[in-house]
Protein backbone atom coordinates (compact mmCIF):
# COMPACT_ATOMS: atom_id res chain seq x y z
CA UNK A 1 103.06 98.46 167.79
CA UNK A 2 105.69 101.60 167.80
CA UNK A 3 109.06 101.13 167.62
CA UNK A 4 110.74 102.67 170.60
CA UNK A 5 113.14 103.46 168.08
CA UNK A 6 111.39 106.62 166.58
CA UNK A 7 111.85 109.69 167.60
CA UNK A 8 108.73 112.16 167.51
CA UNK A 9 110.77 114.86 165.64
CA UNK A 10 108.63 118.31 166.64
CA UNK A 11 110.10 122.37 166.81
CA UNK A 12 111.91 122.44 169.80
CA UNK A 13 113.80 119.42 169.12
CA UNK A 14 114.02 119.00 165.80
CA UNK A 15 117.87 120.91 165.22
CA UNK A 16 119.00 118.95 168.06
CA UNK A 17 117.92 115.36 166.68
CA UNK A 18 117.93 115.84 163.44
CA UNK A 19 120.23 118.73 162.41
CA UNK A 20 123.51 118.12 164.86
CA UNK A 21 123.36 114.49 164.46
CA UNK A 22 126.33 112.47 163.32
CA UNK A 23 124.54 109.37 161.91
CA UNK A 24 121.98 109.85 159.17
CA UNK A 25 118.81 110.93 160.03
CA UNK A 26 115.70 109.81 158.01
CA UNK A 27 112.81 111.52 159.02
CA UNK A 28 109.63 110.83 157.76
CA UNK A 29 106.51 114.06 157.22
CA UNK A 30 103.43 112.52 158.26
CA UNK A 31 100.09 113.14 159.11
CA UNK A 32 97.29 110.89 161.11
CA UNK A 33 95.10 111.45 157.75
CA UNK A 34 97.81 109.90 155.17
CA UNK A 35 96.63 105.77 154.10
CA UNK A 36 100.06 105.70 152.75
CA UNK A 37 101.36 107.01 155.82
CA UNK A 38 100.34 104.64 157.70
CA UNK A 39 100.55 102.01 155.33
CA UNK A 40 104.56 102.64 156.00
CA UNK A 41 104.33 102.91 159.35
CA UNK A 42 105.84 99.56 160.46
CA UNK A 43 108.54 99.32 157.79
CA UNK A 44 109.91 102.75 159.39
CA UNK A 45 110.08 100.76 163.23
CA UNK A 46 111.58 97.87 161.44
CA UNK A 47 114.69 100.55 160.12
CA UNK A 48 114.01 102.41 163.40
CA UNK A 49 114.51 98.57 165.18
CA UNK A 50 116.91 97.44 162.87
CA UNK A 51 119.38 100.87 162.61
CA UNK A 52 119.64 101.35 166.08
CA UNK A 53 122.83 103.29 166.73
CA UNK A 54 123.95 103.64 163.41
CA UNK A 55 121.36 105.83 162.37
CA UNK A 56 117.91 107.92 163.43
CA UNK A 57 114.78 107.15 162.24
CA UNK A 58 112.27 110.35 163.00
CA UNK A 59 108.31 110.81 162.30
CA UNK A 60 106.70 114.79 161.62
CA UNK A 61 103.75 114.64 162.22
CA UNK A 62 102.83 117.52 158.83
CA UNK A 63 99.53 118.83 160.76
CA UNK A 64 101.29 119.88 164.05
CA UNK A 65 104.86 121.32 162.71
CA UNK A 66 103.42 123.12 159.75
CA UNK A 67 106.51 125.45 159.37
CA UNK A 68 108.77 122.77 158.95
CA UNK A 69 107.47 120.86 156.44
CA UNK A 70 107.24 124.53 155.10
CA UNK A 71 111.21 124.98 154.99
CA UNK A 72 111.53 121.29 154.00
CA UNK A 73 109.46 122.00 150.82
CA UNK A 74 106.67 119.20 151.17
CA UNK A 75 104.50 118.98 149.38
CA UNK A 76 103.05 115.59 149.29
CA UNK A 77 102.92 113.15 152.07
CA UNK A 78 104.75 110.62 152.90
CA UNK A 79 107.57 112.24 152.33
CA UNK A 80 110.85 111.10 153.37
CA UNK A 81 114.32 113.13 153.86
CA UNK A 82 117.49 111.41 154.62
CA UNK A 83 119.74 114.11 156.07
CA UNK A 84 123.39 113.66 156.70
CA UNK A 85 125.73 116.74 158.05
CA UNK A 86 122.40 118.50 158.90
CA UNK A 87 121.72 118.77 155.63
CA UNK A 88 119.20 116.78 152.98
CA UNK A 89 121.34 114.48 150.88
CA UNK A 90 118.55 112.38 149.64
CA UNK A 91 114.56 112.46 149.45
CA UNK A 92 111.55 110.07 147.92
CA UNK A 93 108.08 111.45 147.43
CA UNK A 94 105.11 108.56 148.13
CA UNK A 95 104.98 105.10 150.10
CA UNK A 96 108.61 103.13 148.66
CA UNK A 97 109.45 99.52 149.76
CA UNK A 98 111.56 98.61 153.11
CA UNK A 99 114.66 97.54 150.79
CA UNK A 100 114.31 101.02 148.68
CA UNK A 101 114.94 103.17 152.22
CA UNK A 102 117.74 101.12 153.35
CA UNK A 103 119.13 101.98 150.76
CA UNK A 104 118.62 105.51 151.30
CA UNK A 105 120.11 104.91 154.29
CA UNK A 106 122.66 103.40 153.42
CA UNK A 107 124.12 104.99 150.15
CA UNK A 108 125.27 108.12 153.66
CA UNK A 109 126.18 105.68 156.12
């Protein structure tokens, strides 16, 4: 069950939700056909619930928004980028543990 706290990111809302956010933003670049992406999905939901109000957690489907994947040099998925002040401040490629993802956010709180 997906969390209501996970923001579905699109080309239309990326600037407002990510670039202009006052809080750190963890963006999960994913695709429906990606096994590791599905594997970390529940962790993404938990992080969104646990960080509600402190950080934004969003998912961007690369098949639907290829231009953003190209813009941020996403070559493999899942790719997880942390944005702070409109800039990428940390990244991870491949499935990571919930603790690793939380640490990425905590580094930029």
